[in-house]
């Protein structure tokens, strides 16, 4: 992990399916965004594993990573993340060994322990793999062993081909202290989903840094902070665009999962006072505004967290508006300082 005065910024894409659209169009938009992100100087382009959600198309995450890596040239592409308890570690080692063999030096493997789905989908996915993420440390140890050289096959027998001997950087992702502590103990880079759990951001970063043990992978802590950003040429337009994500979250807490809705001029009348408070709490770390406002808020995030890297998620209904948001963030990013 190289250091410079300019803070690296990356993209976290959910491959959102907008109302009246399709997964096929979502994938075209994802690749278009990745190609623009590469041109604009973003460090990484990560995709997240979710299942059974009508508004998110990235369920076959490894396949989509291959699609994006094949359509780009230099940007790192990876998972933000693969939910490891959903899978046999050997399968993930083989998949990411294949990706690294196809696109050497460009693949990241970010791992989480949440299901990326509801309990019903989780039961189907994890049939025979265990009910929860309690065995995540053991699964992680097995996965890492598959990437070791040929001299050390897992259990003396099982080998990941391709995968064995390849350098696929592993990140731990989290929204609580569990993965922060584990990443620190193993000397791995850590990414915190502050757009999911803003209240736990600072305690998790402190836990990670104070307990970090240098390793062959990393000699000092490296923390990436996830931030939800909606940028536009005017504050008014940014606030209007952000209502798509607000409506999606409102539908989620009401148990109504659907495709990403178009923005509205005002959320008044769409939520109860309790729901409004819940959304304000959830998005308390989110950044919405014009270029100057985004610059000020992102600089504040850097200064308050000491982040080594930011990864930005922007759920915006209109594809051109989403591109413009990431373009503004890239412009700002070239001016941000650690």
C-alpha atoms as a PDB file:
ATOM      1  CA  UNK A   1       0.000   0.000   0.000  1.00  0.00           C
ATOM      2  CA  UNK A   2       1.751   3.133  -1.166  1.00  0.00           C
ATOM      3  CA  UNK A   3       1.304   6.474   0.555  1.00  0.00           C
ATOM      4  CA  UNK A   4       1.078   9.914  -1.037  1.00  0.00           C
ATOM      5  CA  UNK A   5      -0.270  13.305  -0.048  1.00  0.00           C
ATOM      6  CA  UNK A   6      -3.429  12.760  -2.095  1.00  0.00           C
ATOM      7  CA  UNK A   7      -5.936  10.375  -0.559  1.00  0.00           C
ATOM      8  CA  UNK A   8      -6.976   7.464  -2.802  1.00  0.00           C
ATOM      9  CA  UNK A   9     -10.698   7.240  -3.522  1.00  0.00           C
ATOM     10  CA  UNK A  10     -12.505   4.142  -4.771  1.00  0.00           C
ATOM     11  CA  UNK A  11     -15.991   3.178  -5.946  1.00  0.00           C
ATOM     12  CA  UNK A  12     -18.425   0.763  -4.316  1.00  0.00           C
ATOM     13  CA  UNK A  13     -21.119  -0.155  -6.820  1.00  0.00           C
ATOM     14  CA  UNK A  14     -24.302  -2.043  -5.949  1.00  0.00           C
ATOM     15  CA  UNK A  15     -25.322  -2.568  -9.588  1.00  0.00           C
ATOM     16  CA  UNK A  16     -28.682  -0.985  -8.755  1.00  0.00           C
ATOM     17  CA  UNK A  17     -31.711  -1.923 -10.833  1.00  0.00           C
ATOM     18  CA  UNK A  18     -33.868   1.160 -11.248  1.00  0.00           C
ATOM     19  CA  UNK A  19     -37.658   1.077 -11.459  1.00  0.00           C
ATOM     20  CA  UNK A  20     -38.816  -0.185 -14.851  1.00  0.00           C
ATOM     21  CA  UNK A  21     -35.290  -1.308 -15.759  1.00  0.00           C
ATOM     22  CA  UNK A  22     -33.467  -4.660 -15.828  1.00  0.00           C
ATOM     23  CA  UNK A  23     -30.330  -6.378 -14.580  1.00  0.00           C
ATOM     24  CA  UNK A  24     -28.945  -6.302 -18.123  1.00  0.00           C
ATOM     25  CA  UNK A  25     -29.127  -2.494 -18.242  1.00  0.00           C
ATOM     26  CA  UNK A  26     -27.693  -2.323 -14.729  1.00  0.00           C
ATOM     27  CA  UNK A  27     -24.649  -4.285 -15.874  1.00  0.00           C
ATOM     28  CA  UNK A  28     -24.114  -1.981 -18.849  1.00  0.00           C
ATOM     29  CA  UNK A  29     -24.283   1.010 -16.539  1.00  0.00           C
ATOM     30  CA  UNK A  30     -21.881  -0.646 -14.072  1.00  0.00           C
ATOM     31  CA  UNK A  31     -19.283  -1.223 -16.779  1.00  0.00           C
ATOM     32  CA  UNK A  32     -19.732   2.318 -18.101  1.00  0.00           C
ATOM     33  CA  UNK A  33     -19.206   3.707 -14.607  1.00  0.00           C
ATOM     34  CA  UNK A  34     -16.110   1.531 -14.099  1.00  0.00           C
ATOM     35  CA  UNK A  35     -14.598   2.738 -17.366  1.00  0.00           C
ATOM     36  CA  UNK A  36     -15.239   6.373 -16.421  1.00  0.00           C
ATOM     37  CA  UNK A  37     -13.902   5.754 -12.898  1.00  0.00           C
ATOM     38  CA  UNK A  38     -10.694   4.426 -14.425  1.00  0.00           C
ATOM     39  CA  UNK A  39     -10.369   7.560 -16.566  1.00  0.00           C
ATOM     40  CA  UNK A  40     -11.075   9.809 -13.571  1.00  0.00           C
ATOM     41  CA  UNK A  41      -8.347   8.221 -11.452  1.00  0.00           C
ATOM     42  CA  UNK A  42     -10.256   6.119  -8.921  1.00  0.00           C
ATOM     43  CA  UNK A  43      -8.102   3.477  -7.192  1.00  0.00           C
ATOM     44  CA  UNK A  44     -10.560   0.558  -7.099  1.00  0.00           C
ATOM     45  CA  UNK A  45     -13.990  -0.500  -8.300  1.00  0.00           C
ATOM     46  CA  UNK A  46     -15.673  -2.900  -5.882  1.00  0.00           C
ATOM     47  CA  UNK A  47     -18.952  -4.796  -6.157  1.00  0.00           C
ATOM     48  CA  UNK A  48     -21.048  -6.089  -3.277  1.00  0.00           C
ATOM     49  CA  UNK A  49     -22.698  -9.483  -2.798  1.00  0.00           C
ATOM     50  CA  UNK A  50     -26.439  -9.238  -2.167  1.00  0.00           C
ATOM     51  CA  UNK A  51     -29.119 -11.855  -2.771  1.00  0.00           C
ATOM     52  CA  UNK A  52     -32.864 -11.849  -3.307  1.00  0.00           C
ATOM     53  CA  UNK A  53     -33.078  -8.054  -3.614  1.00  0.00           C
ATOM     54  CA  UNK A  54     -35.031  -6.814  -6.662  1.00  0.00           C
ATOM     55  CA  UNK A  55     -33.044  -3.576  -6.732  1.00  0.00           C
ATOM     56  CA  UNK A  56     -29.511  -5.037  -6.631  1.00  0.00           C
ATOM     57  CA  UNK A  57     -28.061  -7.116  -9.474  1.00  0.00           C
ATOM     58  CA  UNK A  58     -24.638  -8.071  -8.076  1.00  0.00           C
ATOM     59  CA  UNK A  59     -25.565 -11.465  -6.610  1.00  0.00           C
ATOM     60  CA  UNK A  60     -23.086 -13.387  -8.811  1.00  0.00           C
ATOM     61  CA  UNK A  61     -20.344 -11.070  -7.626  1.00  0.00           C
ATOM     62  CA  UNK A  62     -17.322 -12.926  -9.017  1.00  0.00           C
ATOM     63  CA  UNK A  63     -18.915 -13.103 -12.475  1.00  0.00           C
ATOM     64  CA  UNK A  64     -19.600  -9.372 -12.466  1.00  0.00           C
ATOM     65  CA  UNK A  65     -16.064  -8.617 -11.282  1.00  0.00           C
ATOM     66  CA  UNK A  66     -14.776 -10.516 -14.307  1.00  0.00           C
ATOM     67  CA  UNK A  67     -17.085  -8.523 -16.579  1.00  0.00           C
ATOM     68  CA  UNK A  68     -15.819  -5.213 -15.187  1.00  0.00           C
ATOM     69  CA  UNK A  69     -12.152  -6.245 -15.146  1.00  0.00           C
ATOM     70  CA  UNK A  70     -12.448  -7.408 -18.755  1.00  0.00           C
ATOM     71  CA  UNK A  71     -13.854  -4.040 -19.808  1.00  0.00           C
ATOM     72  CA  UNK A  72     -11.187  -1.959 -18.048  1.00  0.00           C
ATOM     73  CA  UNK A  73      -7.396  -1.860 -18.135  1.00  0.00           C
ATOM     74  CA  UNK A  74      -5.770  -0.460 -15.007  1.00  0.00           C
ATOM     75  CA  UNK A  75      -8.267   0.099 -12.189  1.00  0.00           C
ATOM     76  CA  UNK A  76      -8.278  -2.545  -9.448  1.00  0.00           C
ATOM     77  CA  UNK A  77     -11.530  -4.529  -9.372  1.00  0.00           C
ATOM     78  CA  UNK A  78     -12.821  -6.558  -6.467  1.00  0.00           C
ATOM     79  CA  UNK A  79     -15.474  -7.465  -3.958  1.00  0.00           C
ATOM     80  CA  UNK A  80     -16.844  -5.192  -1.313  1.00  0.00           C
ATOM     81  CA  UNK A  81     -17.513  -7.841  -0.373  1.00  0.00           C
ATOM     82  CA  UNK A  82     -17.896 -11.559  -0.784  1.00  0.00           C
ATOM     83  CA  UNK A  83     -19.926 -12.864   2.162  1.00  0.00           C
ATOM     84  CA  UNK A  84     -17.655 -15.793   2.976  1.00  0.00           C
ATOM     85  CA  UNK A  85     -20.055 -17.849   5.154  1.00  0.00           C
ATOM     86  CA  UNK A  86     -22.295 -18.207   2.060  1.00  0.00           C
ATOM     87  CA  UNK A  87     -19.596 -20.171   0.236  1.00  0.00           C
ATOM     88  CA  UNK A  88     -17.120 -22.998   0.483  1.00  0.00           C
ATOM     89  CA  UNK A  89     -13.705 -21.301   0.839  1.00  0.00           C
ATOM     90  CA  UNK A  90     -12.271 -23.524  -1.911  1.00  0.00           C
ATOM     91  CA  UNK A  91     -14.806 -22.146  -4.407  1.00  0.00           C
ATOM     92  CA  UNK A  92     -13.874 -18.533  -3.568  1.00  0.00           C
ATOM     93  CA  UNK A  93     -10.160 -19.361  -3.831  1.00  0.00           C
ATOM     94  CA  UNK A  94     -10.726 -20.893  -7.261  1.00  0.00           C
ATOM     95  CA  UNK A  95     -12.910 -18.013  -8.455  1.00  0.00           C
ATOM     96  CA  UNK A  96     -10.498 -15.312  -7.359  1.00  0.00           C
ATOM     97  CA  UNK A  97      -7.525 -17.365  -8.467  1.00  0.00           C
ATOM     98  CA  UNK A  98      -9.147 -17.435 -11.895  1.00  0.00           C
ATOM     99  CA  UNK A  99      -9.777 -13.685 -11.824  1.00  0.00           C
ATOM    100  CA  UNK A 100      -6.191 -12.956 -10.737  1.00  0.00           C
ATOM    101  CA  UNK A 101      -4.873 -15.242 -13.480  1.00  0.00           C
ATOM    102  CA  UNK A 102      -6.959 -13.404 -16.075  1.00  0.00           C
ATOM    103  CA  UNK A 103      -6.281  -9.898 -14.752  1.00  0.00           C
ATOM    104  CA  UNK A 104      -2.964 -10.117 -12.845  1.00  0.00           C
ATOM    105  CA  UNK A 105      -2.271  -7.457 -10.249  1.00  0.00           C
ATOM    106  CA  UNK A 106      -5.769  -5.964 -10.444  1.00  0.00           C
ATOM    107  CA  UNK A 107      -8.003  -8.132  -8.245  1.00  0.00           C
ATOM    108  CA  UNK A 108      -9.010  -7.468  -4.603  1.00  0.00           C
ATOM    109  CA  UNK A 109     -10.861  -9.911  -2.361  1.00  0.00           C
ATOM    110  CA  UNK A 110     -12.893  -8.076   0.264  1.00  0.00           C
ATOM    111  CA  UNK A 111     -14.665 -10.393   2.695  1.00  0.00           C
ATOM    112  CA  UNK A 112     -17.609  -9.998   5.057  1.00  0.00           C
ATOM    113  CA  UNK A 113     -19.462 -12.351   7.362  1.00  0.00           C
ATOM    114  CA  UNK A 114     -23.035 -11.035   6.976  1.00  0.00           C
ATOM    115  CA  UNK A 115     -25.431 -12.997   4.730  1.00  0.00           C
ATOM    116  CA  UNK A 116     -26.078 -10.172   2.259  1.00  0.00           C
ATOM    117  CA  UNK A 117     -29.725 -11.197   2.331  1.00  0.00           C
ATOM    118  CA  UNK A 118     -32.651 -11.955   4.605  1.00  0.00           C
ATOM    119  CA  UNK A 119     -32.857 -15.087   6.775  1.00  0.00           C
ATOM    120  CA  UNK A 120     -34.859 -17.100   4.245  1.00  0.00           C
ATOM    121  CA  UNK A 121     -32.318 -16.530   1.468  1.00  0.00           C
ATOM    122  CA  UNK A 122     -29.482 -17.110   3.922  1.00  0.00           C
ATOM    123  CA  UNK A 123     -30.850 -20.540   4.832  1.00  0.00           C
ATOM    124  CA  UNK A 124     -30.932 -21.545   1.179  1.00  0.00           C
ATOM    125  CA  UNK A 125     -27.460 -20.183   0.459  1.00  0.00           C
ATOM    126  CA  UNK A 126     -25.844 -21.672   3.542  1.00  0.00           C
ATOM    127  CA  UNK A 127     -27.426 -25.121   3.338  1.00  0.00           C
ATOM    128  CA  UNK A 128     -24.783 -27.422   4.747  1.00  0.00           C
ATOM    129  CA  UNK A 129     -22.410 -24.504   5.393  1.00  0.00           C
ATOM    130  CA  UNK A 130     -23.654 -23.508   8.835  1.00  0.00           C
ATOM    131  CA  UNK A 131     -26.382 -21.108   9.917  1.00  0.00           C
ATOM    132  CA  UNK A 132     -24.394 -17.998  10.740  1.00  0.00           C
ATOM    133  CA  UNK A 133     -21.066 -16.261  10.561  1.00  0.00           C
ATOM    134  CA  UNK A 134     -19.678 -17.590  13.837  1.00  0.00           C
ATOM    135  CA  UNK A 135     -17.142 -19.728  11.978  1.00  0.00           C
ATOM    136  CA  UNK A 136     -15.885 -16.826   9.872  1.00  0.00           C
ATOM    137  CA  UNK A 137     -12.343 -16.895  11.347  1.00  0.00           C
ATOM    138  CA  UNK A 138     -12.011 -20.597  10.516  1.00  0.00           C
ATOM    139  CA  UNK A 139     -13.379 -20.094   6.996  1.00  0.00           C
ATOM    140  CA  UNK A 140     -10.970 -17.207   6.488  1.00  0.00           C
ATOM    141  CA  UNK A 141      -8.002 -19.279   7.643  1.00  0.00           C
ATOM    142  CA  UNK A 142      -8.957 -22.044   5.214  1.00  0.00           C
ATOM    143  CA  UNK A 143      -9.377 -19.587   2.350  1.00  0.00           C
ATOM    144  CA  UNK A 144      -6.002 -17.948   2.991  1.00  0.00           C
ATOM    145  CA  UNK A 145      -4.342 -21.371   3.103  1.00  0.00           C
ATOM    146  CA  UNK A 146      -5.547 -22.137  -0.427  1.00  0.00           C
ATOM    147  CA  UNK A 147      -3.522 -19.205  -1.751  1.00  0.00           C
ATOM    148  CA  UNK A 148      -0.313 -20.530  -0.201  1.00  0.00           C
ATOM    149  CA  UNK A 149       2.348 -22.171  -2.423  1.00  0.00           C
ATOM    150  CA  UNK A 150       2.043 -25.767  -3.609  1.00  0.00           C
ATOM    151  CA  UNK A 151       4.156 -27.043  -0.717  1.00  0.00           C
ATOM    152  CA  UNK A 152       1.298 -26.467   1.737  1.00  0.00           C
ATOM    153  CA  UNK A 153      -2.004 -27.917   0.423  1.00  0.00           C
ATOM    154  CA  UNK A 154      -4.929 -27.629   2.829  1.00  0.00           C
ATOM    155  CA  UNK A 155      -5.242 -30.766   4.967  1.00  0.00           C
ATOM    156  CA  UNK A 156      -2.250 -32.073   3.029  1.00  0.00           C
ATOM    157  CA  UNK A 157      -4.529 -32.917   0.112  1.00  0.00           C
ATOM    158  CA  UNK A 158      -6.795 -30.138  -1.204  1.00  0.00           C
ATOM    159  CA  UNK A 159      -5.378 -27.514  -3.563  1.00  0.00           C
ATOM    160  CA  UNK A 160      -6.974 -24.508  -5.275  1.00  0.00           C
ATOM    161  CA  UNK A 161      -6.084 -24.466  -8.967  1.00  0.00           C
ATOM    162  CA  UNK A 162      -5.961 -21.687 -10.034  1.00  0.00           C
ATOM    163  CA  UNK A 163      -5.378 -19.844  -6.780  1.00  0.00           C
ATOM    164  CA  UNK A 164      -2.436 -21.603  -5.246  1.00  0.00           C
ATOM    165  CA  UNK A 165       0.583 -19.331  -4.892  1.00  0.00           C
ATOM    166  CA  UNK A 166      -1.201 -16.232  -6.210  1.00  0.00           C
ATOM    167  CA  UNK A 167      -1.104 -12.878  -4.469  1.00  0.00           C
ATOM    168  CA  UNK A 168      -4.753 -11.847  -4.120  1.00  0.00           C
ATOM    169  CA  UNK A 169      -4.966  -9.078  -1.500  1.00  0.00           C
ATOM    170  CA  UNK A 170      -7.538  -9.949   1.173  1.00  0.00           C
ATOM    171  CA  UNK A 171      -9.461  -7.210   2.967  1.00  0.00           C
ATOM    172  CA  UNK A 172     -11.819  -7.614   5.894  1.00  0.00           C
ATOM    173  CA  UNK A 173     -15.025  -5.590   5.741  1.00  0.00           C
ATOM    174  CA  UNK A 174     -17.290  -4.795   8.613  1.00  0.00           C
ATOM    175  CA  UNK A 175     -19.826  -2.564  10.315  1.00  0.00           C
ATOM    176  CA  UNK A 176     -18.921  -3.532  13.900  1.00  0.00           C
ATOM    177  CA  UNK A 177     -15.883  -4.389  15.972  1.00  0.00           C
ATOM    178  CA  UNK A 178     -15.684  -8.080  15.067  1.00  0.00           C
ATOM    179  CA  UNK A 179     -13.946  -7.722  11.714  1.00  0.00           C
ATOM    180  CA  UNK A 180     -11.917  -4.756  12.968  1.00  0.00           C
ATOM    181  CA  UNK A 181     -10.384  -6.885  15.722  1.00  0.00           C
ATOM    182  CA  UNK A 182      -9.815  -9.847  13.412  1.00  0.00           C
ATOM    183  CA  UNK A 183      -8.193  -7.677  10.711  1.00  0.00           C
ATOM    184  CA  UNK A 184      -5.916  -6.171  13.363  1.00  0.00           C
ATOM    185  CA  UNK A 185      -4.906  -9.547  14.739  1.00  0.00           C
ATOM    186  CA  UNK A 186      -4.130 -10.930  11.267  1.00  0.00           C
ATOM    187  CA  UNK A 187      -2.461  -7.764   9.970  1.00  0.00           C
ATOM    188  CA  UNK A 188      -4.915  -7.254   7.105  1.00  0.00           C
ATOM    189  CA  UNK A 189      -6.375  -4.063   5.600  1.00  0.00           C
ATOM    190  CA  UNK A 190      -9.783  -3.130   6.964  1.00  0.00           C
ATOM    191  CA  UNK A 191     -12.748  -1.377   5.361  1.00  0.00           C
ATOM    192  CA  UNK A 192     -15.580  -0.025   7.516  1.00  0.00           C
ATOM    193  CA  UNK A 193     -19.082   0.436   6.105  1.00  0.00           C
ATOM    194  CA  UNK A 194     -19.888   3.756   7.755  1.00  0.00           C
ATOM    195  CA  UNK A 195     -22.756   4.192   5.292  1.00  0.00           C
ATOM    196  CA  UNK A 196     -24.372   1.217   7.101  1.00  0.00           C
ATOM    197  CA  UNK A 197     -23.350   1.827  10.710  1.00  0.00           C
ATOM    198  CA  UNK A 198     -22.086   5.389  11.255  1.00  0.00           C
ATOM    199  CA  UNK A 199     -22.252   5.161  15.054  1.00  0.00           C
ATOM    200  CA  UNK A 200     -19.647   2.361  15.166  1.00  0.00           C
ATOM    201  CA  UNK A 201     -17.115   3.930  12.791  1.00  0.00           C
ATOM    202  CA  UNK A 202     -14.752   5.580  15.271  1.00  0.00           C
ATOM    203  CA  UNK A 203     -14.770   2.746  17.849  1.00  0.00           C
ATOM    204  CA  UNK A 204     -14.053   0.201  15.095  1.00  0.00           C
ATOM    205  CA  UNK A 205     -11.156   2.231  13.690  1.00  0.00           C
ATOM    206  CA  UNK A 206      -9.670   2.656  17.168  1.00  0.00           C
ATOM    207  CA  UNK A 207     -10.014  -1.070  17.832  1.00  0.00           C
ATOM    208  CA  UNK A 208      -8.320  -1.879  14.529  1.00  0.00           C
ATOM    209  CA  UNK A 209      -5.412   0.522  14.928  1.00  0.00           C
ATOM    210  CA  UNK A 210      -4.716  -0.107  18.601  1.00  0.00           C
ATOM    211  CA  UNK A 211      -4.611  -3.890  18.158  1.00  0.00           C
ATOM    212  CA  UNK A 212      -2.873  -4.096  14.769  1.00  0.00           C
ATOM    213  CA  UNK A 213      -0.070  -6.644  14.404  1.00  0.00           C
ATOM    214  CA  UNK A 214       2.259  -6.315  11.391  1.00  0.00           C
ATOM    215  CA  UNK A 215       2.147  -9.207   8.951  1.00  0.00           C
ATOM    216  CA  UNK A 216       3.562 -10.348   5.628  1.00  0.00           C
ATOM    217  CA  UNK A 217       0.564  -8.653   4.013  1.00  0.00           C
ATOM    218  CA  UNK A 218       0.819  -5.285   5.770  1.00  0.00           C
ATOM    219  CA  UNK A 219       3.394  -3.602   8.009  1.00  0.00           C
ATOM    220  CA  UNK A 220       1.040  -0.998   9.481  1.00  0.00           C
ATOM    221  CA  UNK A 221      -2.746  -0.421   9.668  1.00  0.00           C
ATOM    222  CA  UNK A 222      -4.542   0.519   6.474  1.00  0.00           C
ATOM    223  CA  UNK A 223      -8.138   1.651   6.964  1.00  0.00           C
ATOM    224  CA  UNK A 224     -10.631   2.368   4.217  1.00  0.00           C
ATOM    225  CA  UNK A 225     -13.812   4.240   5.133  1.00  0.00           C
ATOM    226  CA  UNK A 226     -17.028   3.767   3.160  1.00  0.00           C
ATOM    227  CA  UNK A 227     -19.021   6.939   2.572  1.00  0.00           C
ATOM    228  CA  UNK A 228     -22.345   7.577   0.857  1.00  0.00           C
ATOM    229  CA  UNK A 229     -21.976  10.629  -1.395  1.00  0.00           C
ATOM    230  CA  UNK A 230     -24.485  12.298  -3.690  1.00  0.00           C
ATOM    231  CA  UNK A 231     -22.919  15.174  -5.588  1.00  0.00           C
ATOM    232  CA  UNK A 232     -24.412  17.506  -8.200  1.00  0.00           C
ATOM    233  CA  UNK A 233     -23.779  20.926  -9.670  1.00  0.00           C
ATOM    234  CA  UNK A 234     -26.203  22.481  -7.176  1.00  0.00           C
ATOM    235  CA  UNK A 235     -27.136  21.581  -3.615  1.00  0.00           C
ATOM    236  CA  UNK A 236     -30.818  21.530  -4.540  1.00  0.00           C
ATOM    237  CA  UNK A 237     -30.240  18.962  -7.294  1.00  0.00           C
ATOM    238  CA  UNK A 238     -28.054  16.813  -5.043  1.00  0.00           C
ATOM    239  CA  UNK A 239     -30.743  16.753  -2.355  1.00  0.00           C
ATOM    240  CA  UNK A 240     -33.344  15.772  -4.942  1.00  0.00           C
ATOM    241  CA  UNK A 241     -31.152  12.936  -6.284  1.00  0.00           C
ATOM    242  CA  UNK A 242     -30.552  11.657  -2.746  1.00  0.00           C
ATOM    243  CA  UNK A 243     -34.276  11.001  -2.261  1.00  0.00           C
ATOM    244  CA  UNK A 244     -33.975   7.806  -4.344  1.00  0.00           C
ATOM    245  CA  UNK A 245     -31.700   6.264  -1.718  1.00  0.00           C
ATOM    246  CA  UNK A 246     -33.882   7.633   1.067  1.00  0.00           C
ATOM    247  CA  UNK A 247     -36.995   6.067  -0.470  1.00  0.00           C
ATOM    248  CA  UNK A 248     -35.180   2.758  -0.933  1.00  0.00           C
ATOM    249  CA  UNK A 249     -34.194   2.706   2.747  1.00  0.00           C
ATOM    250  CA  UNK A 250     -37.703   3.715   3.766  1.00  0.00           C
ATOM    251  CA  UNK A 251     -39.114   0.807   1.766  1.00  0.00           C
ATOM    252  CA  UNK A 252     -36.559  -1.531   3.349  1.00  0.00           C
ATOM    253  CA  UNK A 253     -37.480  -0.677   6.927  1.00  0.00           C
ATOM    254  CA  UNK A 254     -41.113  -1.196   5.933  1.00  0.00           C
ATOM    255  CA  UNK A 255     -40.221  -4.630   4.582  1.00  0.00           C
ATOM    256  CA  UNK A 256     -40.902  -3.670   0.964  1.00  0.00           C
ATOM    257  CA  UNK A 257     -37.873  -4.505  -1.127  1.00  0.00           C
ATOM    258  CA  UNK A 258     -38.013  -3.193  -4.664  1.00  0.00           C
ATOM    259  CA  UNK A 259     -36.127  -1.498  -7.447  1.00  0.00           C
ATOM    260  CA  UNK A 260     -34.448   1.885  -6.925  1.00  0.00           C
ATOM    261  CA  UNK A 261     -37.190   4.547  -7.267  1.00  0.00           C
ATOM    262  CA  UNK A 262     -36.881   7.846  -9.140  1.00  0.00           C
ATOM    263  CA  UNK A 263     -36.172  10.952  -7.057  1.00  0.00           C
ATOM    264  CA  UNK A 264     -38.873  13.229  -5.729  1.00  0.00           C
ATOM    265  CA  UNK A 265     -38.818  16.943  -5.022  1.00  0.00           C
ATOM    266  CA  UNK A 266     -39.586  16.399  -1.338  1.00  0.00           C
ATOM    267  CA  UNK A 267     -39.894  13.505   1.112  1.00  0.00           C
ATOM    268  CA  UNK A 268     -42.628  15.366   2.994  1.00  0.00           C
ATOM    269  CA  UNK A 269     -45.686  13.172   3.298  1.00  0.00           C
ATOM    270  CA  UNK A 270     -43.756  10.018   2.368  1.00  0.00           C
ATOM    271  CA  UNK A 271     -42.481   9.251   5.859  1.00  0.00           C
ATOM    272  CA  UNK A 272     -43.685   9.456   9.440  1.00  0.00           C
ATOM    273  CA  UNK A 273     -41.737  11.527  11.989  1.00  0.00           C
ATOM    274  CA  UNK A 274     -40.316   8.286  13.416  1.00  0.00           C
ATOM    275  CA  UNK A 275     -39.217   7.104   9.978  1.00  0.00           C
ATOM    276  CA  UNK A 276     -37.692  10.485   9.198  1.00  0.00           C
ATOM    277  CA  UNK A 277     -35.659  10.301  12.404  1.00  0.00           C
ATOM    278  CA  UNK A 278     -34.534   6.760  11.548  1.00  0.00           C
ATOM    279  CA  UNK A 279     -33.389   7.857   8.088  1.00  0.00           C
ATOM    280  CA  UNK A 280     -31.597  10.898   9.465  1.00  0.00           C
ATOM    281  CA  UNK A 281     -29.737   8.653  11.884  1.00  0.00           C
ATOM    282  CA  UNK A 282     -28.884   6.104   9.196  1.00  0.00           C
ATOM    283  CA  UNK A 283     -27.643   8.754   6.777  1.00  0.00           C
ATOM    284  CA  UNK A 284     -26.011  10.967   9.371  1.00  0.00           C
ATOM    285  CA  UNK A 285     -22.601  10.278   7.812  1.00  0.00           C
ATOM    286  CA  UNK A 286     -23.871  10.664   4.231  1.00  0.00           C
ATOM    287  CA  UNK A 287     -22.683  13.596   2.142  1.00  0.00           C
ATOM    288  CA  UNK A 288     -25.111  15.433  -0.136  1.00  0.00           C
ATOM    289  CA  UNK A 289     -24.307  18.682  -1.895  1.00  0.00           C
ATOM    290  CA  UNK A 290     -22.487  20.612  -4.553  1.00  0.00           C
ATOM    291  CA  UNK A 291     -18.750  20.432  -5.218  1.00  0.00           C
ATOM    292  CA  UNK A 292     -17.693  22.821  -2.459  1.00  0.00           C
ATOM    293  CA  UNK A 293     -19.919  21.137   0.112  1.00  0.00           C
ATOM    294  CA  UNK A 294     -18.667  17.689  -0.868  1.00  0.00           C
ATOM    295  CA  UNK A 295     -15.051  18.870  -0.643  1.00  0.00           C
ATOM    296  CA  UNK A 296     -15.545  20.292   2.837  1.00  0.00           C
ATOM    297  CA  UNK A 297     -17.363  17.228   4.146  1.00  0.00           C
ATOM    298  CA  UNK A 298     -14.902  14.736   2.656  1.00  0.00           C
ATOM    299  CA  UNK A 299     -11.958  16.684   4.057  1.00  0.00           C
ATOM    300  CA  UNK A 300     -13.712  16.548   7.419  1.00  0.00           C
ATOM    301  CA  UNK A 301     -14.092  12.784   7.144  1.00  0.00           C
ATOM    302  CA  UNK A 302     -10.384  12.420   6.399  1.00  0.00           C
ATOM    303  CA  UNK A 303      -9.373  14.597   9.328  1.00  0.00           C
ATOM    304  CA  UNK A 304     -11.741  12.982  11.829  1.00  0.00           C
ATOM    305  CA  UNK A 305     -11.060   9.364  10.852  1.00  0.00           C
ATOM    306  CA  UNK A 306      -7.466   9.434   9.623  1.00  0.00           C
ATOM    307  CA  UNK A 307      -8.641   7.220   6.747  1.00  0.00           C
ATOM    308  CA  UNK A 308      -5.978   5.889   4.389  1.00  0.00           C
ATOM    309  CA  UNK A 309      -8.556   5.578   1.616  1.00  0.00           C
ATOM    310  CA  UNK A 310     -12.215   6.390   0.989  1.00  0.00           C
ATOM    311  CA  UNK A 311     -14.664   4.206  -0.910  1.00  0.00           C
ATOM    312  CA  UNK A 312     -17.769   5.978  -2.167  1.00  0.00           C
ATOM    313  CA  UNK A 313     -21.238   4.545  -2.750  1.00  0.00           C
ATOM    314  CA  UNK A 314     -23.754   6.612  -4.715  1.00  0.00           C
ATOM    315  CA  UNK A 315     -27.235   5.190  -5.299  1.00  0.00           C
ATOM    316  CA  UNK A 316     -28.613   7.567  -7.904  1.00  0.00           C
ATOM    317  CA  UNK A 317     -31.541   6.749 -10.185  1.00  0.00           C
ATOM    318  CA  UNK A 318     -30.430   8.522 -13.364  1.00  0.00           C
ATOM    319  CA  UNK A 319     -27.260   7.068 -14.858  1.00  0.00           C
ATOM    320  CA  UNK A 320     -25.987  10.360 -16.268  1.00  0.00           C
ATOM    321  CA  UNK A 321     -26.535  12.025 -12.892  1.00  0.00           C
ATOM    322  CA  UNK A 322     -24.657   9.196 -11.196  1.00  0.00           C
ATOM    323  CA  UNK A 323     -21.747   9.634 -13.594  1.00  0.00           C
ATOM    324  CA  UNK A 324     -21.717  13.363 -12.890  1.00  0.00           C
ATOM    325  CA  UNK A 325     -21.722  12.697  -9.140  1.00  0.00           C
ATOM    326  CA  UNK A 326     -18.649  10.468  -9.404  1.00  0.00           C
ATOM    327  CA  UNK A 327     -16.975  12.952 -11.740  1.00  0.00           C
ATOM    328  CA  UNK A 328     -17.416  15.733  -9.172  1.00  0.00           C
ATOM    329  CA  UNK A 329     -16.096  13.447  -6.414  1.00  0.00           C
ATOM    330  CA  UNK A 330     -13.038  12.636  -8.548  1.00  0.00           C
ATOM    331  CA  UNK A 331     -12.392  16.353  -9.082  1.00  0.00           C
ATOM    332  CA  UNK A 332     -12.643  16.908  -5.351  1.00  0.00           C
ATOM    333  CA  UNK A 333     -10.461  13.886  -4.635  1.00  0.00           C
ATOM    334  CA  UNK A 334      -7.525  15.321  -6.519  1.00  0.00           C
ATOM    335  CA  UNK A 335      -7.548  18.241  -4.076  1.00  0.00           C
ATOM    336  CA  UNK A 336      -8.041  16.339  -0.807  1.00  0.00           C
ATOM    337  CA  UNK A 337      -5.073  15.885   1.508  1.00  0.00           C
ATOM    338  CA  UNK A 338      -4.389  13.294   4.171  1.00  0.00           C
END
